Each structure stands twice: as structure tokens, then as C-alpha cells.
């Protein structure tokens, strides 16, 4: 059975395509590419149909990640097929939970950096302060300097290890 993860940011041209590329590489390295489907979207439609921001592509290329990306807007109907919806900041988290058709779907929405906490490698329970505090946001690099894209990549890479562990645990639970 395929496990489906979607990363979501604002316009789907900076943070979420970066997270998609990094996590896809982690999943492939772990030998789970045939069991995990990864994609990304934005909360808005401003950049729908566009490629990833050139600065995102540059940072990904410099670190050996592939990126073939076309921006799209997240649709509430997608909750039915997704196992996990990963928000890049608290604004996205709140917007996605409001879009969720059910409480069960709302529980699928998590902050990416909640998987990077050194305490456990697992996200904090939904609705607790640790799941929505601003220090877990991946800041939007769009309006800033190029080094913001490097910082974004570092945050995404750090959280991807914990996210991979959580997805692997879910996959193993499905087999048992």
C-alpha cells in the first residue's frame, strides 16, 4: 500500500517544492521509493502552472537534489487520498486544518519542523503548543536574500530525518 505525503506552503514555488525534493531523496535513499508518494502544493493559486523559484532550484542543484516542479494549489478533496499533509509554517497549518473536511483529516496536517525536534524525533500531539509555535516555522525566503533559501534547505533537511522515521513507522504498522 502506498503512503502519500504532500508538502504545503504559500505559493508552491519555494519551501514546499524544496521539501518535496529533499524528502523524495531521503525516501529513495531509504529504499522506500516504491511505497511512498511525495508531492507539494500551495495554499494559494498565485503561481499555479509555474516552475519553482530559480533560487530554490539553484540551492537544490548545489546540494545534489533534483527538482522538476510545476506549482499547483492544494484542494480539500485531496485529503481523502493523503496520509500526511505537511505544512511549512503555522499559517499554512491553520489554513489547511480549516480546509479539512473532517477532524480525522485535520489530524493529518502537521508542521514539518515538528519532526525535527531533538527531544523525540516525533511530532508533538495535535493542538499542543509545540505543534503551533512560531519557532517551528520554516520562514518564507521569497522576499529575502539568497541565503534565506540556504537556511530554508537546512531546516528542511534537519526535519526530513524525523519525518522519514515517522513515515517508516507508519509503513511498518500497516504491514503488521
N, C-alpha and C. Protein backbone atom coordinates (compact mmCIF):
# COMPACT_ATOMS: atom_id res chain seq x y z
N UNK A 1 0.84 -1.18 0.00
CA UNK A 1 0.00 0.00 0.00
C UNK A 1 0.89 1.24 0.00
N UNK A 2 0.54 2.23 -0.78
CA UNK A 2 1.32 3.46 -0.91
C UNK A 2 0.94 4.46 0.18
N UNK A 3 1.96 5.09 0.77
CA UNK A 3 1.79 6.14 1.77
C UNK A 3 1.99 7.46 1.05
N UNK A 4 1.05 8.39 1.20
CA UNK A 4 1.08 9.63 0.43
C UNK A 4 1.29 10.85 1.33
N UNK A 5 2.31 11.66 0.97
CA UNK A 5 2.67 12.86 1.72
C UNK A 5 2.64 14.06 0.78
N UNK A 6 2.03 15.16 1.23
CA UNK A 6 2.02 16.39 0.45
C UNK A 6 2.54 17.53 1.32
N UNK A 7 3.53 18.25 0.81
CA UNK A 7 4.10 19.42 1.49
C UNK A 7 3.39 20.67 0.98
N UNK A 8 3.04 21.58 1.90
CA UNK A 8 2.27 22.76 1.51
C UNK A 8 2.88 24.04 2.07
N UNK A 9 3.09 25.01 1.18
CA UNK A 9 3.49 26.36 1.59
C UNK A 9 2.53 27.35 0.94
N UNK A 10 2.93 28.58 0.76
CA UNK A 10 2.01 29.61 0.27
C UNK A 10 1.74 29.48 -1.23
N UNK A 11 2.79 29.63 -2.05
CA UNK A 11 2.60 29.64 -3.49
C UNK A 11 3.12 28.42 -4.22
N UNK A 12 3.74 27.49 -3.50
CA UNK A 12 4.27 26.26 -4.06
C UNK A 12 5.40 26.51 -5.06
N UNK A 13 6.25 27.51 -4.74
CA UNK A 13 7.41 27.74 -5.60
C UNK A 13 8.73 27.80 -4.82
N UNK A 14 8.68 27.86 -3.48
CA UNK A 14 9.92 27.96 -2.70
C UNK A 14 10.04 26.79 -1.71
N UNK A 15 9.35 26.91 -0.58
CA UNK A 15 9.55 25.96 0.52
C UNK A 15 9.00 24.56 0.22
N UNK A 16 7.77 24.47 -0.24
CA UNK A 16 7.19 23.12 -0.42
C UNK A 16 7.86 22.33 -1.54
N UNK A 17 8.23 22.94 -2.68
CA UNK A 17 8.96 22.13 -3.66
C UNK A 17 10.34 21.72 -3.16
N UNK A 18 10.94 22.58 -2.32
CA UNK A 18 12.23 22.23 -1.72
C UNK A 18 12.06 21.03 -0.80
N UNK A 19 11.04 21.07 0.05
CA UNK A 19 10.77 19.96 0.97
C UNK A 19 10.44 18.68 0.20
N UNK A 20 9.67 18.82 -0.87
CA UNK A 20 9.33 17.67 -1.71
C UNK A 20 10.59 17.02 -2.27
N UNK A 21 11.50 17.82 -2.81
CA UNK A 21 12.73 17.28 -3.41
C UNK A 21 13.62 16.61 -2.37
N UNK A 22 13.80 17.27 -1.23
CA UNK A 22 14.64 16.71 -0.18
C UNK A 22 14.05 15.42 0.36
N UNK A 23 12.75 15.43 0.64
CA UNK A 23 12.14 14.23 1.22
C UNK A 23 12.12 13.08 0.21
N UNK A 24 11.90 13.39 -1.05
CA UNK A 24 11.95 12.35 -2.08
C UNK A 24 13.32 11.69 -2.09
N UNK A 25 14.37 12.48 -1.98
CA UNK A 25 15.73 11.93 -1.94
C UNK A 25 15.92 11.05 -0.71
N UNK A 26 15.42 11.48 0.44
CA UNK A 26 15.54 10.69 1.68
C UNK A 26 14.79 9.36 1.54
N UNK A 27 13.62 9.42 0.97
CA UNK A 27 12.80 8.21 0.79
C UNK A 27 13.50 7.24 -0.17
N UNK A 28 14.06 7.76 -1.25
CA UNK A 28 14.79 6.92 -2.21
C UNK A 28 16.01 6.29 -1.54
N UNK A 29 16.76 7.10 -0.79
CA UNK A 29 17.95 6.58 -0.09
C UNK A 29 17.59 5.47 0.88
N UNK A 30 16.40 5.54 1.47
CA UNK A 30 15.95 4.53 2.43
C UNK A 30 15.35 3.31 1.74
N UNK A 31 15.28 3.33 0.42
CA UNK A 31 14.72 2.20 -0.32
C UNK A 31 13.21 2.11 -0.25
N UNK A 32 12.56 3.24 0.02
CA UNK A 32 11.10 3.24 0.16
C UNK A 32 10.38 3.94 -0.99
N UNK A 33 11.11 4.24 -2.06
CA UNK A 33 10.54 4.98 -3.19
C UNK A 33 9.32 4.34 -3.81
N UNK A 34 9.23 3.03 -3.74
CA UNK A 34 8.08 2.34 -4.33
C UNK A 34 6.88 2.30 -3.38
N UNK A 35 7.08 2.78 -2.13
CA UNK A 35 6.00 2.71 -1.14
C UNK A 35 5.51 4.08 -0.66
N UNK A 36 6.25 5.14 -1.03
CA UNK A 36 5.88 6.48 -0.58
C UNK A 36 5.76 7.41 -1.78
N UNK A 37 4.63 8.08 -1.88
CA UNK A 37 4.39 9.05 -2.94
C UNK A 37 4.48 10.45 -2.31
N UNK A 38 5.25 11.33 -2.95
CA UNK A 38 5.50 12.66 -2.39
C UNK A 38 5.15 13.71 -3.43
N UNK A 39 4.44 14.75 -2.98
CA UNK A 39 4.19 15.89 -3.85
C UNK A 39 4.07 17.14 -3.01
N UNK A 40 3.71 18.26 -3.65
CA UNK A 40 3.59 19.52 -2.93
C UNK A 40 2.55 20.40 -3.59
N UNK A 41 2.14 21.41 -2.84
CA UNK A 41 1.13 22.36 -3.33
C UNK A 41 1.22 23.64 -2.52
N UNK A 42 0.46 24.64 -2.94
CA UNK A 42 0.39 25.90 -2.22
C UNK A 42 -1.02 26.14 -1.70
N UNK A 43 -1.12 27.00 -0.70
CA UNK A 43 -2.45 27.35 -0.19
C UNK A 43 -3.16 28.29 -1.14
N UNK A 44 -2.41 28.99 -1.99
CA UNK A 44 -3.00 29.92 -2.95
C UNK A 44 -2.66 29.54 -4.37
N UNK A 45 -3.30 30.22 -5.32
CA UNK A 45 -3.12 29.88 -6.73
C UNK A 45 -2.26 30.88 -7.50
N UNK A 46 -1.55 31.78 -6.79
CA UNK A 46 -0.79 32.85 -7.42
C UNK A 46 0.21 32.35 -8.44
N UNK A 47 0.83 31.22 -8.21
CA UNK A 47 1.91 30.73 -9.07
C UNK A 47 1.54 29.44 -9.81
N UNK A 48 0.28 29.09 -9.79
CA UNK A 48 -0.16 27.84 -10.43
C UNK A 48 0.37 27.75 -11.87
N UNK A 49 0.96 26.59 -12.18
CA UNK A 49 1.50 26.36 -13.51
C UNK A 49 2.94 26.80 -13.70
N UNK A 50 3.51 27.50 -12.72
CA UNK A 50 4.89 27.97 -12.82
C UNK A 50 5.88 26.95 -12.27
N UNK A 51 7.12 27.09 -12.69
CA UNK A 51 8.20 26.28 -12.15
C UNK A 51 8.57 26.81 -10.76
N UNK A 52 9.39 26.06 -10.05
CA UNK A 52 9.89 26.52 -8.76
C UNK A 52 10.71 27.79 -8.95
N UNK A 53 10.76 28.62 -7.91
CA UNK A 53 11.55 29.84 -7.93
C UNK A 53 12.99 29.48 -8.31
N UNK A 54 13.63 30.25 -9.20
CA UNK A 54 15.00 29.94 -9.63
C UNK A 54 15.99 29.83 -8.47
N UNK A 55 15.77 30.58 -7.39
CA UNK A 55 16.67 30.50 -6.23
C UNK A 55 16.50 29.17 -5.51
N UNK A 56 15.29 28.64 -5.50
CA UNK A 56 15.05 27.31 -4.93
C UNK A 56 15.78 26.26 -5.76
N UNK A 57 15.63 26.36 -7.07
CA UNK A 57 16.25 25.40 -7.98
C UNK A 57 17.78 25.45 -7.83
N UNK A 58 18.34 26.66 -7.72
CA UNK A 58 19.79 26.81 -7.56
C UNK A 58 20.29 26.13 -6.30
N UNK A 59 19.62 26.37 -5.17
CA UNK A 59 20.04 25.76 -3.90
C UNK A 59 19.91 24.24 -3.97
N UNK A 60 18.83 23.76 -4.54
CA UNK A 60 18.65 22.32 -4.67
C UNK A 60 19.75 21.71 -5.54
N UNK A 61 20.01 22.34 -6.69
CA UNK A 61 21.07 21.85 -7.59
C UNK A 61 22.43 21.83 -6.90
N UNK A 62 22.74 22.88 -6.15
CA UNK A 62 24.03 22.97 -5.47
C UNK A 62 24.23 21.85 -4.46
N UNK A 63 23.12 21.29 -3.98
CA UNK A 63 23.20 20.23 -2.97
C UNK A 63 22.81 18.85 -3.53
N UNK A 64 22.72 18.75 -4.84
CA UNK A 64 22.52 17.46 -5.48
C UNK A 64 21.09 16.94 -5.49
N UNK A 65 20.12 17.81 -5.28
CA UNK A 65 18.70 17.40 -5.33
C UNK A 65 18.12 17.71 -6.70
N UNK A 66 17.27 16.81 -7.19
CA UNK A 66 16.57 17.08 -8.45
C UNK A 66 15.29 17.84 -8.15
N UNK A 67 14.88 18.62 -9.13
CA UNK A 67 13.62 19.33 -8.98
C UNK A 67 12.98 19.53 -10.33
N UNK A 68 11.92 18.82 -10.57
CA UNK A 68 11.07 19.03 -11.73
C UNK A 68 9.72 19.37 -11.15
N UNK A 69 9.36 20.63 -11.24
CA UNK A 69 8.22 21.07 -10.46
C UNK A 69 7.31 22.01 -11.24
N UNK A 70 6.01 21.84 -11.04
CA UNK A 70 5.01 22.77 -11.55
C UNK A 70 4.07 23.09 -10.39
N UNK A 71 3.97 24.37 -10.05
CA UNK A 71 3.17 24.79 -8.90
C UNK A 71 1.68 24.51 -9.11
N UNK A 72 1.02 24.19 -8.00
CA UNK A 72 -0.42 23.95 -8.01
C UNK A 72 -0.99 24.31 -6.64
N UNK A 73 -2.29 24.47 -6.60
CA UNK A 73 -2.96 24.84 -5.35
C UNK A 73 -3.54 23.59 -4.69
N UNK A 74 -3.39 23.53 -3.36
CA UNK A 74 -3.94 22.41 -2.59
C UNK A 74 -5.47 22.43 -2.67
N UNK A 75 -6.06 21.26 -2.84
CA UNK A 75 -7.51 21.12 -2.92
C UNK A 75 -8.03 20.28 -1.76
N UNK A 76 -9.08 20.71 -1.08
CA UNK A 76 -9.61 19.95 0.06
C UNK A 76 -9.93 18.49 -0.27
N UNK A 77 -10.33 18.20 -1.50
CA UNK A 77 -10.66 16.82 -1.88
C UNK A 77 -9.45 15.90 -1.78
N UNK A 78 -8.25 16.46 -1.78
CA UNK A 78 -7.04 15.65 -1.71
C UNK A 78 -6.89 14.94 -0.36
N UNK A 79 -7.52 15.47 0.68
CA UNK A 79 -7.40 14.84 1.99
C UNK A 79 -7.78 13.36 1.93
N UNK A 80 -8.73 13.01 1.11
CA UNK A 80 -9.21 11.63 1.03
C UNK A 80 -8.11 10.66 0.60
N UNK A 81 -7.16 11.11 -0.21
CA UNK A 81 -6.11 10.21 -0.69
C UNK A 81 -4.78 10.37 0.03
N UNK A 82 -4.65 11.43 0.84
CA UNK A 82 -3.38 11.70 1.52
C UNK A 82 -3.34 11.08 2.91
N UNK A 83 -2.16 10.64 3.29
CA UNK A 83 -1.94 10.15 4.65
C UNK A 83 -1.40 11.24 5.56
N UNK A 84 -0.64 12.16 4.98
CA UNK A 84 0.01 13.20 5.76
C UNK A 84 0.10 14.47 4.91
N UNK A 85 -0.27 15.59 5.51
CA UNK A 85 -0.17 16.89 4.86
C UNK A 85 0.79 17.71 5.72
N UNK A 86 1.91 18.09 5.14
CA UNK A 86 2.97 18.75 5.90
C UNK A 86 2.97 20.25 5.59
N UNK A 87 2.63 21.04 6.61
CA UNK A 87 2.62 22.50 6.49
C UNK A 87 4.01 23.04 6.80
N UNK A 88 4.41 24.09 6.07
CA UNK A 88 5.73 24.67 6.29
C UNK A 88 5.73 25.77 7.35
N UNK A 89 4.56 26.33 7.67
CA UNK A 89 4.51 27.27 8.78
C UNK A 89 3.13 27.23 9.43
N UNK A 90 2.99 27.94 10.55
CA UNK A 90 1.74 27.86 11.32
C UNK A 90 0.55 28.44 10.56
N UNK A 91 0.79 29.42 9.71
CA UNK A 91 -0.29 29.95 8.88
C UNK A 91 -0.86 28.88 7.96
N UNK A 92 0.02 28.11 7.35
CA UNK A 92 -0.41 27.00 6.48
C UNK A 92 -1.12 25.93 7.29
N UNK A 93 -0.57 25.64 8.47
CA UNK A 93 -1.17 24.63 9.35
C UNK A 93 -2.62 24.99 9.65
N UNK A 94 -2.85 26.23 10.05
CA UNK A 94 -4.20 26.67 10.39
C UNK A 94 -5.11 26.67 9.17
N UNK A 95 -4.62 27.18 8.04
CA UNK A 95 -5.42 27.21 6.82
C UNK A 95 -5.81 25.81 6.36
N UNK A 96 -4.87 24.89 6.41
CA UNK A 96 -5.14 23.52 5.97
C UNK A 96 -6.12 22.81 6.91
N UNK A 97 -5.97 23.03 8.21
CA UNK A 97 -6.90 22.42 9.15
C UNK A 97 -8.31 22.96 8.96
N UNK A 98 -8.43 24.24 8.59
CA UNK A 98 -9.77 24.80 8.29
C UNK A 98 -10.35 24.19 7.03
N UNK A 99 -9.51 23.86 6.07
CA UNK A 99 -9.97 23.25 4.82
C UNK A 99 -10.37 21.78 4.97
N UNK A 100 -9.86 21.15 6.01
CA UNK A 100 -10.08 19.71 6.19
C UNK A 100 -11.58 19.40 6.33
N UNK A 101 -12.07 18.43 5.56
CA UNK A 101 -13.48 18.08 5.62
C UNK A 101 -13.92 17.44 6.93
N UNK A 102 -12.96 16.88 7.70
CA UNK A 102 -13.31 16.20 8.94
C UNK A 102 -12.19 16.37 9.96
N UNK A 103 -12.50 16.04 11.21
CA UNK A 103 -11.47 16.07 12.26
C UNK A 103 -10.34 15.08 11.94
N UNK A 104 -10.71 13.94 11.41
CA UNK A 104 -9.70 12.94 11.02
C UNK A 104 -8.74 13.53 9.99
N UNK A 105 -9.28 14.25 9.01
CA UNK A 105 -8.43 14.88 8.00
C UNK A 105 -7.58 15.99 8.61
N UNK A 106 -8.16 16.76 9.52
CA UNK A 106 -7.40 17.84 10.18
C UNK A 106 -6.20 17.27 10.94
N UNK A 107 -6.34 16.07 11.49
CA UNK A 107 -5.23 15.45 12.22
C UNK A 107 -4.10 15.00 11.30
N UNK A 108 -4.33 14.95 10.01
CA UNK A 108 -3.29 14.59 9.05
C UNK A 108 -2.32 15.75 8.82
N UNK A 109 -2.70 16.96 9.21
CA UNK A 109 -1.90 18.15 8.96
C UNK A 109 -0.90 18.35 10.10
N UNK A 110 0.37 18.42 9.76
CA UNK A 110 1.45 18.57 10.75
C UNK A 110 2.44 19.62 10.26
N UNK A 111 3.15 20.23 11.18
CA UNK A 111 4.23 21.15 10.83
C UNK A 111 5.50 20.35 10.54
N UNK A 112 6.18 20.68 9.46
CA UNK A 112 7.39 19.96 9.09
C UNK A 112 8.42 19.95 10.22
N UNK A 113 8.68 21.10 10.79
CA UNK A 113 9.75 21.16 11.79
C UNK A 113 9.37 20.49 13.11
N UNK A 114 8.13 20.11 13.28
CA UNK A 114 7.79 19.34 14.49
C UNK A 114 8.47 17.97 14.44
N UNK A 115 8.88 17.54 13.27
CA UNK A 115 9.60 16.27 13.12
C UNK A 115 11.10 16.43 13.35
N UNK A 116 11.55 17.65 13.53
CA UNK A 116 12.97 17.89 13.71
C UNK A 116 13.36 18.18 15.13
N UNK A 117 12.41 18.07 16.05
CA UNK A 117 12.72 18.33 17.46
C UNK A 117 13.64 17.25 17.99
N UNK A 118 14.76 17.65 18.57
CA UNK A 118 15.73 16.66 19.05
C UNK A 118 15.21 15.81 20.20
N UNK A 119 14.14 16.27 20.87
CA UNK A 119 13.65 15.54 22.04
C UNK A 119 13.15 14.14 21.70
N UNK A 120 12.46 14.00 20.57
CA UNK A 120 11.87 12.69 20.31
C UNK A 120 11.91 12.26 18.85
N UNK A 121 12.08 13.19 17.93
CA UNK A 121 12.01 12.84 16.52
C UNK A 121 10.59 12.61 16.06
N UNK A 122 9.64 12.88 16.94
CA UNK A 122 8.23 12.71 16.59
C UNK A 122 7.52 14.04 16.74
N UNK A 123 6.44 14.23 16.00
CA UNK A 123 5.72 15.49 16.15
C UNK A 123 5.02 15.54 17.50
N UNK A 124 4.80 16.77 17.97
CA UNK A 124 4.04 16.94 19.20
C UNK A 124 2.57 16.64 18.91
N UNK A 125 1.80 16.23 19.91
CA UNK A 125 0.39 15.92 19.66
C UNK A 125 -0.36 17.13 19.09
N UNK A 126 -1.30 16.87 18.22
CA UNK A 126 -2.08 17.94 17.59
C UNK A 126 -2.73 18.80 18.65
N UNK A 127 -2.65 20.09 18.43
CA UNK A 127 -3.31 21.01 19.33
C UNK A 127 -2.48 21.44 20.52
N UNK A 128 -1.28 20.90 20.69
CA UNK A 128 -0.43 21.32 21.80
C UNK A 128 0.40 22.50 21.36
N UNK A 129 0.90 23.30 22.30
CA UNK A 129 1.69 24.47 21.92
C UNK A 129 2.86 24.15 21.00
N UNK A 130 3.52 23.03 21.19
CA UNK A 130 4.67 22.67 20.36
C UNK A 130 4.31 22.42 18.92
N UNK A 131 3.04 22.20 18.63
CA UNK A 131 2.63 21.93 17.26
C UNK A 131 2.31 23.20 16.51
N UNK A 132 2.19 24.31 17.21
CA UNK A 132 1.80 25.53 16.52
C UNK A 132 2.69 26.72 16.86
N UNK A 133 3.77 26.54 17.60
CA UNK A 133 4.58 27.69 17.96
C UNK A 133 5.44 28.14 16.78
N UNK A 134 5.64 29.45 16.71
CA UNK A 134 6.32 30.05 15.57
C UNK A 134 7.76 29.56 15.38
N UNK A 135 8.41 29.07 16.43
CA UNK A 135 9.78 28.61 16.25
C UNK A 135 9.85 27.34 15.40
N UNK A 136 8.72 26.78 15.06
CA UNK A 136 8.70 25.61 14.18
C UNK A 136 8.43 25.99 12.72
N UNK A 137 8.24 27.27 12.46
CA UNK A 137 8.01 27.72 11.09
C UNK A 137 9.29 27.61 10.27
N UNK A 138 9.14 27.28 9.00
CA UNK A 138 10.21 27.43 8.03
C UNK A 138 9.93 28.79 7.38
N UNK A 139 10.76 29.81 7.65
CA UNK A 139 10.46 31.15 7.14
C UNK A 139 10.44 31.19 5.61
N UNK A 140 9.56 32.02 5.08
CA UNK A 140 9.43 32.18 3.63
C UNK A 140 10.62 32.99 3.11
N UNK A 141 11.44 32.39 2.24
CA UNK A 141 12.62 33.11 1.74
C UNK A 141 12.32 34.00 0.54
N UNK A 142 11.11 33.99 0.03
CA UNK A 142 10.76 34.62 -1.25
C UNK A 142 11.20 36.09 -1.36
N UNK A 143 10.94 36.88 -0.33
CA UNK A 143 11.24 38.31 -0.40
C UNK A 143 12.61 38.68 0.16
N UNK A 144 13.37 37.68 0.57
CA UNK A 144 14.66 37.95 1.20
C UNK A 144 15.84 37.69 0.28
N UNK A 145 17.00 37.66 0.91
CA UNK A 145 18.27 37.43 0.21
C UNK A 145 18.43 35.94 -0.13
N UNK A 146 19.33 35.64 -1.06
CA UNK A 146 19.55 34.23 -1.43
C UNK A 146 19.93 33.32 -0.27
N UNK A 147 20.60 33.85 0.75
CA UNK A 147 20.99 32.98 1.86
C UNK A 147 19.77 32.46 2.63
N UNK A 148 18.62 33.10 2.48
CA UNK A 148 17.39 32.60 3.09
C UNK A 148 16.98 31.26 2.51
N UNK A 149 17.30 31.03 1.25
CA UNK A 149 16.99 29.75 0.62
C UNK A 149 17.89 28.65 1.16
N UNK A 150 19.15 28.99 1.44
CA UNK A 150 20.06 28.03 2.05
C UNK A 150 19.59 27.68 3.46
N UNK A 151 19.18 28.69 4.22
CA UNK A 151 18.66 28.46 5.57
C UNK A 151 17.41 27.57 5.53
N UNK A 152 16.55 27.84 4.57
CA UNK A 152 15.34 27.03 4.39
C UNK A 152 15.72 25.57 4.12
N UNK A 153 16.68 25.36 3.24
CA UNK A 153 17.13 24.00 2.93
C UNK A 153 17.65 23.30 4.17
N UNK A 154 18.42 23.99 4.98
CA UNK A 154 18.97 23.38 6.19
C UNK A 154 17.86 22.96 7.15
N UNK A 155 16.84 23.78 7.29
CA UNK A 155 15.70 23.44 8.16
C UNK A 155 14.94 22.23 7.61
N UNK A 156 14.75 22.21 6.30
CA UNK A 156 14.04 21.10 5.66
C UNK A 156 14.82 19.81 5.81
N UNK A 157 16.12 19.86 5.58
CA UNK A 157 16.95 18.66 5.72
C UNK A 157 16.91 18.14 7.15
N UNK A 158 17.02 19.03 8.12
CA UNK A 158 17.03 18.61 9.52
C UNK A 158 15.73 17.91 9.91
N UNK A 159 14.61 18.43 9.44
CA UNK A 159 13.31 17.84 9.79
C UNK A 159 13.01 16.57 9.00
N UNK A 160 13.61 16.43 7.84
CA UNK A 160 13.30 15.28 6.98
C UNK A 160 13.71 13.95 7.59
N UNK A 161 14.74 13.95 8.40
CA UNK A 161 15.17 12.71 9.05
C UNK A 161 14.09 12.19 10.00
N UNK A 162 13.56 13.08 10.83
CA UNK A 162 12.48 12.69 11.75
C UNK A 162 11.20 12.32 11.01
N UNK A 163 10.91 13.06 9.95
CA UNK A 163 9.72 12.75 9.15
C UNK A 163 9.86 11.37 8.51
N UNK A 164 11.03 11.06 7.99
CA UNK A 164 11.25 9.74 7.40
C UNK A 164 11.05 8.64 8.44
N UNK A 165 11.55 8.85 9.64
CA UNK A 165 11.37 7.86 10.71
C UNK A 165 9.88 7.65 11.01
N UNK A 166 9.12 8.75 11.04
CA UNK A 166 7.68 8.64 11.32
C UNK A 166 6.95 7.92 10.20
N UNK A 167 7.31 8.22 8.96
CA UNK A 167 6.66 7.55 7.82
C UNK A 167 7.03 6.07 7.80
N UNK A 168 8.29 5.78 8.06
CA UNK A 168 8.71 4.37 8.12
C UNK A 168 7.91 3.61 9.19
N UNK A 169 7.72 4.24 10.34
CA UNK A 169 6.93 3.63 11.42
C UNK A 169 5.50 3.37 10.98
N UNK A 170 4.92 4.30 10.26
CA UNK A 170 3.55 4.12 9.74
C UNK A 170 3.49 2.97 8.74
N UNK A 171 4.48 2.90 7.87
CA UNK A 171 4.53 1.82 6.88
C UNK A 171 4.66 0.47 7.57
N UNK A 172 5.51 0.38 8.57
CA UNK A 172 5.70 -0.88 9.29
C UNK A 172 4.42 -1.26 10.03
N UNK A 173 3.69 -0.28 10.53
CA UNK A 173 2.42 -0.54 11.21
C UNK A 173 1.36 -1.09 10.26
N UNK A 174 1.43 -0.67 9.00
CA UNK A 174 0.48 -1.17 8.00
C UNK A 174 0.73 -2.63 7.65
N UNK A 175 2.01 -3.04 7.73
CA UNK A 175 2.36 -4.42 7.40
C UNK A 175 1.97 -5.36 8.53
N UNK A 176 2.15 -4.89 9.77
CA UNK A 176 1.92 -5.75 10.93
C UNK A 176 0.47 -6.15 11.09
